[in-house]
Amino acid sequence: MLVVLRIIFGAALVYAVREAWAAGGRPTETGDMTASFWLAVSVAVGIANAVVWAPYLGGRLADPLTGAFTRGFYVEQKNHLLKLVRWLDERGHRRLTLFACFLEGIHRPNAPTAFIIGLRNARAGTWLERVFAREVYRFDNTQNCVWAYQILKRRGINPGVHRRPEVNLTLRSIEKGVEPPQPPVPILPAPQTMPLERNRQIKLFEGDDPATSRKGTQAQPKP
């Protein structure tokens, strides 16, 4: 519904602005309020456009920060086929589990649970492993995405850049690997500094005699 309203209000805004522009270019007559009327219509339609576009634009701007909290998990709904998948998985029926996961994936392609269970039961190198790995990589769980990414890379498939920036950061850190420890950098000893001579013309306090300083002439003992 919002998509239809965005199209209607957008077209109305373009039409109102065009009419206001045309009315403003014509010679004005006494009492002619056509330009003012279309200007008011443009403002009203502009507010309506802001209302219908605000959820979309706000979601696009906030998604990099809030997407991990709003779409990083999935709440399962009641599903008899998914219960059958779990029942077969718990009893070790691998082939039946894969078949049920495949059917559940077709039935609900936006739910990740069947694809994760299917990927866990698929044998390495099979066609189903590649299919389930691609589907698991579509979702936002970082651990599952890394698991699917490693399987696809092992099969020579580049899954591409993920839509979640935190998943891409994790994948880059894994590909980069751990750098070997570097040997300590030797620190050269600092050169020995010579003590500075005291300026004998400077007195620090009353009665101070620079001649009795450490580097000055030693004072003669009083008799």
C-alpha atoms as a PDB file:
ATOM      1  CA  MET A   1       0.000   0.000   0.000  1.00  0.00           C
ATOM      2  CA  LEU A   2       2.809   2.393   0.811  1.00  0.00           C
ATOM      3  CA  VAL A   3       4.360   1.772  -2.593  1.00  0.00           C
ATOM      4  CA  VAL A   4       1.138   2.851  -4.318  1.00  0.00           C
ATOM      5  CA  LEU A   5       0.873   5.957  -2.131  1.00  0.00           C
ATOM      6  CA  ARG A   6       4.488   6.870  -2.875  1.00  0.00           C
ATOM      7  CA  ILE A   7       3.803   6.704  -6.614  1.00  0.00           C
ATOM      8  CA  ILE A   8       0.563   8.713  -6.367  1.00  0.00           C
ATOM      9  CA  PHE A   9       1.925  11.396  -4.051  1.00  0.00           C
ATOM     10  CA  GLY A  10       5.149  11.644  -6.038  1.00  0.00           C
ATOM     11  CA  ALA A  11       3.270  12.207  -9.304  1.00  0.00           C
ATOM     12  CA  ALA A  12       0.970  14.723  -7.580  1.00  0.00           C
ATOM     13  CA  LEU A  13       3.967  16.639  -6.243  1.00  0.00           C
ATOM     14  CA  VAL A  14       5.546  16.851  -9.679  1.00  0.00           C
ATOM     15  CA  TYR A  15       2.258  18.054 -11.190  1.00  0.00           C
ATOM     16  CA  ALA A  16       1.650  20.655  -8.458  1.00  0.00           C
ATOM     17  CA  VAL A  17       5.195  22.051  -8.718  1.00  0.00           C
ATOM     18  CA  ARG A  18       4.899  22.284 -12.487  1.00  0.00           C
ATOM     19  CA  GLU A  19       1.577  24.139 -12.274  1.00  0.00           C
ATOM     20  CA  ALA A  20       2.938  26.497  -9.628  1.00  0.00           C
ATOM     21  CA  TRP A  21       5.970  27.195 -11.790  1.00  0.00           C
ATOM     22  CA  ALA A  22       3.797  27.859 -14.847  1.00  0.00           C
ATOM     23  CA  ALA A  23       1.432  30.132 -12.893  1.00  0.00           C
ATOM     24  CA  GLY A  24       4.328  32.087 -11.477  1.00  0.00           C
ATOM     25  CA  GLY A  25       5.733  32.750 -14.960  1.00  0.00           C
ATOM     26  CA  ARG A  26       2.500  34.244 -16.311  1.00  0.00           C
ATOM     27  CA  PRO A  27       1.752  37.988 -15.972  1.00  0.00           C
ATOM     28  CA  THR A  28       0.068  38.584 -12.657  1.00  0.00           C
ATOM     29  CA  GLU A  29      -3.380  40.099 -12.475  1.00  0.00           C
ATOM     30  CA  THR A  30      -5.146  41.683  -9.584  1.00  0.00           C
ATOM     31  CA  GLY A  31      -6.623  39.013  -7.367  1.00  0.00           C
ATOM     32  CA  ASP A  32      -5.023  36.100  -9.232  1.00  0.00           C
ATOM     33  CA  MET A  33      -4.280  33.455  -6.578  1.00  0.00           C
ATOM     34  CA  THR A  34      -3.446  30.587  -8.930  1.00  0.00           C
ATOM     35  CA  ALA A  35       0.261  30.528  -8.116  1.00  0.00           C
ATOM     36  CA  SER A  36      -0.454  30.719  -4.377  1.00  0.00           C
ATOM     37  CA  PHE A  37      -2.995  27.915  -4.658  1.00  0.00           C
ATOM     38  CA  TRP A  38      -0.591  25.571  -6.419  1.00  0.00           C
ATOM     39  CA  LEU A  39       2.162  26.512  -3.986  1.00  0.00           C
ATOM     40  CA  ALA A  40      -0.059  25.500  -1.072  1.00  0.00           C
ATOM     41  CA  VAL A  41      -0.941  22.257  -2.865  1.00  0.00           C
ATOM     42  CA  SER A  42       2.760  21.551  -3.411  1.00  0.00           C
ATOM     43  CA  VAL A  43       3.471  22.045   0.288  1.00  0.00           C
ATOM     44  CA  ALA A  44       0.611  19.741   1.314  1.00  0.00           C
ATOM     45  CA  VAL A  45       1.600  17.030  -1.166  1.00  0.00           C
ATOM     46  CA  GLY A  46       5.226  17.415  -0.103  1.00  0.00           C
ATOM     47  CA  ILE A  47       4.244  16.716   3.512  1.00  0.00           C
ATOM     48  CA  ALA A  48       2.297  13.659   2.356  1.00  0.00           C
ATOM     49  CA  ASN A  49       5.367  12.443   0.452  1.00  0.00           C
ATOM     50  CA  ALA A  50       7.497  12.922   3.550  1.00  0.00           C
ATOM     51  CA  VAL A  51       5.060  10.802   5.581  1.00  0.00           C
ATOM     52  CA  VAL A  52       5.021   7.858   3.159  1.00  0.00           C
ATOM     53  CA  TRP A  53       8.763   7.976   2.405  1.00  0.00           C
ATOM     54  CA  ALA A  54       9.975   8.463   5.992  1.00  0.00           C
ATOM     55  CA  PRO A  55       9.792   4.745   6.999  1.00  0.00           C
ATOM     56  CA  TYR A  56      11.770   3.658   3.956  1.00  0.00           C
ATOM     57  CA  LEU A  57      14.459   6.350   4.111  1.00  0.00           C
ATOM     58  CA  GLY A  58      14.747   6.108   7.895  1.00  0.00           C
ATOM     59  CA  GLY A  59      15.130   2.340   7.694  1.00  0.00           C
ATOM     60  CA  ARG A  60      17.837   2.615   5.046  1.00  0.00           C
ATOM     61  CA  LEU A  61      19.782   5.131   7.131  1.00  0.00           C
ATOM     62  CA  ALA A  62      19.468   3.257  10.419  1.00  0.00           C
ATOM     63  CA  ASP A  63      19.905  -0.271   9.048  1.00  0.00           C
ATOM     64  CA  PRO A  64      23.742  -0.349   9.339  1.00  0.00           C
ATOM     65  CA  LEU A  65      23.421   0.398  13.063  1.00  0.00           C
ATOM     66  CA  THR A  66      20.179  -1.315  14.065  1.00  0.00           C
ATOM     67  CA  GLY A  67      20.004  -4.169  11.553  1.00  0.00           C
ATOM     68  CA  ALA A  68      22.102  -6.468  13.712  1.00  0.00           C
ATOM     69  CA  PHE A  69      19.551  -6.089  16.547  1.00  0.00           C
ATOM     70  CA  THR A  70      16.343  -6.127  14.493  1.00  0.00           C
ATOM     71  CA  ARG A  71      17.200  -8.738  11.824  1.00  0.00           C
ATOM     72  CA  GLY A  72      20.114 -10.649  13.334  1.00  0.00           C
ATOM     73  CA  PHE A  73      17.866 -13.325  14.830  1.00  0.00           C
ATOM     74  CA  TYR A  74      14.818 -15.249  13.738  1.00  0.00           C
ATOM     75  CA  VAL A  75      11.821 -16.316  15.804  1.00  0.00           C
ATOM     76  CA  GLU A  76      10.400 -19.610  14.626  1.00  0.00           C
ATOM     77  CA  GLN A  77       6.681 -19.967  14.110  1.00  0.00           C
ATOM     78  CA  LYS A  78       4.597 -23.106  14.496  1.00  0.00           C
ATOM     79  CA  ASN A  79       5.294 -25.335  11.534  1.00  0.00           C
ATOM     80  CA  HIS A  80       4.478 -29.039  11.305  1.00  0.00           C
ATOM     81  CA  LEU A  81       6.983 -29.665   8.511  1.00  0.00           C
ATOM     82  CA  LEU A  82       9.765 -28.067  10.543  1.00  0.00           C
ATOM     83  CA  LYS A  83       8.819 -30.266  13.497  1.00  0.00           C
ATOM     84  CA  LEU A  84       9.169 -33.260  11.206  1.00  0.00           C
ATOM     85  CA  VAL A  85      12.598 -32.007  10.125  1.00  0.00           C
ATOM     86  CA  ARG A  86      13.749 -31.791  13.738  1.00  0.00           C
ATOM     87  CA  TRP A  87      12.286 -35.197  14.551  1.00  0.00           C
ATOM     88  CA  LEU A  88      14.122 -36.832  11.631  1.00  0.00           C
ATOM     89  CA  ASP A  89      17.340 -34.982  12.473  1.00  0.00           C
ATOM     90  CA  GLU A  90      17.297 -36.115  16.085  1.00  0.00           C
ATOM     91  CA  ARG A  91      16.892 -39.754  15.029  1.00  0.00           C
ATOM     92  CA  GLY A  92      19.695 -39.643  12.478  1.00  0.00           C
ATOM     93  CA  HIS A  93      17.649 -40.129   9.305  1.00  0.00           C
ATOM     94  CA  ARG A  94      19.994 -38.141   7.087  1.00  0.00           C
ATOM     95  CA  ARG A  95      18.348 -38.632   3.696  1.00  0.00           C
ATOM     96  CA  LEU A  96      14.840 -38.031   4.952  1.00  0.00           C
ATOM     97  CA  THR A  97      16.070 -34.976   6.846  1.00  0.00           C
ATOM     98  CA  LEU A  98      17.638 -33.552   3.695  1.00  0.00           C
ATOM     99  CA  PHE A  99      14.470 -34.171   1.710  1.00  0.00           C
ATOM    100  CA  ALA A 100      12.289 -32.549   4.373  1.00  0.00           C
ATOM    101  CA  CYS A 101      14.688 -29.586   4.623  1.00  0.00           C
ATOM    102  CA  PHE A 102      14.533 -29.144   0.869  1.00  0.00           C
ATOM    103  CA  LEU A 103      10.722 -29.092   0.956  1.00  0.00           C
ATOM    104  CA  GLU A 104      10.690 -26.691   3.898  1.00  0.00           C
ATOM    105  CA  GLY A 105      13.128 -24.408   2.081  1.00  0.00           C
ATOM    106  CA  ILE A 106      10.810 -24.263  -0.904  1.00  0.00           C
ATOM    107  CA  HIS A 107       7.804 -23.714   1.364  1.00  0.00           C
ATOM    108  CA  ARG A 108       9.428 -20.962   3.469  1.00  0.00           C
ATOM    109  CA  PRO A 109      12.509 -19.544   1.736  1.00  0.00           C
ATOM    110  CA  ASN A 110      12.807 -16.678   4.223  1.00  0.00           C
ATOM    111  CA  ALA A 111      13.274 -18.960   7.241  1.00  0.00           C
ATOM    112  CA  PRO A 112      16.880 -20.056   7.891  1.00  0.00           C
ATOM    113  CA  THR A 113      16.288 -23.058  10.172  1.00  0.00           C
ATOM    114  CA  ALA A 114      15.666 -25.667   7.469  1.00  0.00           C
ATOM    115  CA  PHE A 115      18.707 -24.551   5.484  1.00  0.00           C
ATOM    116  CA  ILE A 116      20.960 -24.717   8.548  1.00  0.00           C
ATOM    117  CA  ILE A 117      19.796 -28.216   9.458  1.00  0.00           C
ATOM    118  CA  GLY A 118      20.114 -29.297   5.833  1.00  0.00           C
ATOM    119  CA  LEU A 119      23.656 -27.936   5.592  1.00  0.00           C
ATOM    120  CA  ARG A 120      24.602 -29.770   8.764  1.00  0.00           C
ATOM    121  CA  ASN A 121      23.334 -33.076   7.331  1.00  0.00           C
ATOM    122  CA  ALA A 122      24.568 -32.639   3.734  1.00  0.00           C
ATOM    123  CA  ARG A 123      27.651 -34.613   2.768  1.00  0.00           C
ATOM    124  CA  ALA A 124      30.754 -32.717   1.708  1.00  0.00           C
ATOM    125  CA  GLY A 125      30.996 -32.134  -2.024  1.00  0.00           C
ATOM    126  CA  THR A 126      27.343 -32.834  -2.834  1.00  0.00           C
ATOM    127  CA  TRP A 127      24.968 -30.604  -4.716  1.00  0.00           C
ATOM    128  CA  LEU A 128      22.742 -30.151  -1.680  1.00  0.00           C
ATOM    129  CA  GLU A 129      25.694 -28.872   0.350  1.00  0.00           C
ATOM    130  CA  ARG A 130      26.277 -26.108  -2.189  1.00  0.00           C
ATOM    131  CA  VAL A 131      22.579 -25.224  -2.336  1.00  0.00           C
ATOM    132  CA  PHE A 132      22.144 -25.090   1.438  1.00  0.00           C
ATOM    133  CA  ALA A 133      25.394 -23.138   1.894  1.00  0.00           C
ATOM    134  CA  ARG A 134      24.228 -20.476  -0.555  1.00  0.00           C
ATOM    135  CA  GLU A 135      20.916 -20.168   1.257  1.00  0.00           C
ATOM    136  CA  VAL A 136      22.506 -19.970   4.707  1.00  0.00           C
ATOM    137  CA  TYR A 137      24.826 -17.224   3.480  1.00  0.00           C
ATOM    138  CA  ARG A 138      21.784 -15.068   2.638  1.00  0.00           C
ATOM    139  CA  PHE A 139      20.856 -14.569   6.288  1.00  0.00           C
ATOM    140  CA  ASP A 140      22.408 -12.349   8.947  1.00  0.00           C
ATOM    141  CA  ASN A 141      23.797 -14.698  11.587  1.00  0.00           C
ATOM    142  CA  THR A 142      27.547 -14.096  11.532  1.00  0.00           C
ATOM    143  CA  GLN A 143      28.572 -17.580  12.711  1.00  0.00           C
ATOM    144  CA  ASN A 144      26.391 -19.345  10.148  1.00  0.00           C
ATOM    145  CA  CYS A 145      27.523 -16.989   7.387  1.00  0.00           C
ATOM    146  CA  VAL A 146      31.173 -17.745   8.147  1.00  0.00           C
ATOM    147  CA  TRP A 147      30.402 -21.471   8.099  1.00  0.00           C
ATOM    148  CA  ALA A 148      28.632 -21.228   4.734  1.00  0.00           C
ATOM    149  CA  TYR A 149      31.354 -18.956   3.344  1.00  0.00           C
ATOM    150  CA  GLN A 150      34.081 -21.443   4.190  1.00  0.00           C
ATOM    151  CA  ILE A 151      32.137 -24.279   2.520  1.00  0.00           C
ATOM    152  CA  LEU A 152      31.563 -22.256  -0.640  1.00  0.00           C
ATOM    153  CA  LYS A 153      35.210 -21.177  -0.816  1.00  0.00           C
ATOM    154  CA  ARG A 154      36.286 -24.788  -0.404  1.00  0.00           C
ATOM    155  CA  ARG A 155      34.165 -25.642  -3.430  1.00  0.00           C
ATOM    156  CA  GLY A 156      35.684 -22.792  -5.450  1.00  0.00           C
ATOM    157  CA  ILE A 157      32.600 -20.539  -5.278  1.00  0.00           C
ATOM    158  CA  ASN A 158      32.848 -16.874  -4.425  1.00  0.00           C
ATOM    159  CA  PRO A 159      29.643 -15.949  -2.557  1.00  0.00           C
ATOM    160  CA  GLY A 160      30.303 -12.225  -2.948  1.00  0.00           C
ATOM    161  CA  VAL A 161      29.948  -9.386  -0.487  1.00  0.00           C
ATOM    162  CA  HIS A 162      27.415  -9.884   2.278  1.00  0.00           C
ATOM    163  CA  ARG A 163      24.728  -7.282   2.942  1.00  0.00           C
ATOM    164  CA  ARG A 164      25.719  -6.999   6.601  1.00  0.00           C
ATOM    165  CA  PRO A 165      28.901  -4.969   7.260  1.00  0.00           C
ATOM    166  CA  GLU A 166      29.707  -6.858  10.474  1.00  0.00           C
ATOM    167  CA  VAL A 167      29.700 -10.163   8.564  1.00  0.00           C
ATOM    168  CA  ASN A 168      32.089  -8.713   5.979  1.00  0.00           C
ATOM    169  CA  LEU A 169      34.419  -7.504   8.732  1.00  0.00           C
ATOM    170  CA  THR A 170      34.472 -10.981  10.278  1.00  0.00           C
ATOM    171  CA  LEU A 171      35.181 -12.611   6.914  1.00  0.00           C
ATOM    172  CA  ARG A 172      38.028 -10.188   6.212  1.00  0.00           C
ATOM    173  CA  SER A 173      39.594 -10.918   9.580  1.00  0.00           C
ATOM    174  CA  ILE A 174      39.394 -14.665   8.914  1.00  0.00           C
ATOM    175  CA  GLU A 175      40.927 -14.364   5.442  1.00  0.00           C
ATOM    176  CA  LYS A 176      43.672 -12.133   6.745  1.00  0.00           C
ATOM    177  CA  GLY A 177      44.696 -14.704   9.321  1.00  0.00           C
ATOM    178  CA  VAL A 178      46.895 -14.250  12.357  1.00  0.00           C
ATOM    179  CA  GLU A 179      50.209 -12.593  11.667  1.00  0.00           C
ATOM    180  CA  PRO A 180      53.278 -14.375  13.049  1.00  0.00           C
ATOM    181  CA  PRO A 181      54.811 -12.747  16.094  1.00  0.00           C
ATOM    182  CA  GLN A 182      57.383 -10.159  15.166  1.00  0.00           C
ATOM    183  CA  PRO A 183      60.809 -10.154  16.825  1.00  0.00           C
ATOM    184  CA  PRO A 184      61.305  -7.385  19.357  1.00  0.00           C
ATOM    185  CA  VAL A 185      62.755  -4.206  17.975  1.00  0.00           C
ATOM    186  CA  PRO A 186      66.185  -3.559  19.523  1.00  0.00           C
ATOM    187  CA  ILE A 187      66.421  -0.273  21.346  1.00  0.00           C
ATOM    188  CA  LEU A 188      69.806   1.410  21.195  1.00  0.00           C
ATOM    189  CA  PRO A 189      71.137   2.703  24.494  1.00  0.00           C
ATOM    190  CA  ALA A 190      70.776   6.402  24.892  1.00  0.00           C
ATOM    191  CA  PRO A 191      74.041   8.362  24.721  1.00  0.00           C
ATOM    192  CA  GLN A 192      75.375   9.543  28.042  1.00  0.00           C
ATOM    193  CA  THR A 193      74.690  13.202  28.556  1.00  0.00           C
ATOM    194  CA  MET A 194      77.176  15.533  30.165  1.00  0.00           C
ATOM    195  CA  PRO A 195      75.943  17.484  33.190  1.00  0.00           C
ATOM    196  CA  LEU A 196      75.343  21.139  32.438  1.00  0.00           C
ATOM    197  CA  GLU A 197      77.357  23.835  34.098  1.00  0.00           C
ATOM    198  CA  ARG A 198      75.404  26.169  36.309  1.00  0.00           C
ATOM    199  CA  ASN A 199      75.149  29.769  35.292  1.00  0.00           C
ATOM    200  CA  ARG A 200      76.889  31.581  38.151  1.00  0.00           C
ATOM    201  CA  GLN A 201      75.004  34.776  37.443  1.00  0.00           C
ATOM    202  CA  ILE A 202      71.698  33.175  38.471  1.00  0.00           C
ATOM    203  CA  LYS A 203      70.781  33.086  42.157  1.00  0.00           C
ATOM    204  CA  LEU A 204      67.914  30.847  43.143  1.00  0.00           C
ATOM    205  CA  PHE A 205      67.289  32.436  46.553  1.00  0.00           C
ATOM    206  CA  GLU A 206      68.705  35.052  48.788  1.00  0.00           C
ATOM    207  CA  GLY A 207      72.113  34.154  50.082  1.00  0.00           C
ATOM    208  CA  ASP A 208      72.689  31.637  47.337  1.00  0.00           C
ATOM    209  CA  ASP A 209      76.267  31.563  46.210  1.00  0.00           C
ATOM    210  CA  PRO A 210      76.758  29.969  42.784  1.00  0.00           C
ATOM    211  CA  ALA A 211      80.363  29.308  43.698  1.00  0.00           C
ATOM    212  CA  THR A 212      79.201  26.682  46.214  1.00  0.00           C
ATOM    213  CA  SER A 213      77.180  24.741  43.609  1.00  0.00           C
ATOM    214  CA  ARG A 214      78.051  21.223  42.612  1.00  0.00           C
ATOM    215  CA  LYS A 215      79.968  22.257  39.514  1.00  0.00           C
ATOM    216  CA  GLY A 216      81.215  25.562  40.851  1.00  0.00           C
ATOM    217  CA  THR A 217      84.275  26.219  42.940  1.00  0.00           C
ATOM    218  CA  GLN A 218      84.042  24.603  46.330  1.00  0.00           C
ATOM    219  CA  ALA A 219      83.650  27.104  49.142  1.00  0.00           C
ATOM    220  CA  GLN A 220      86.464  27.409  51.616  1.00  0.00           C
ATOM    221  CA  PRO A 221      85.646  26.146  55.087  1.00  0.00           C
ATOM    222  CA  LYS A 222      85.115  28.876  57.702  1.00  0.00           C
ATOM    223  CA  PRO A 223      87.797  29.147  60.329  1.00  0.00           C
END
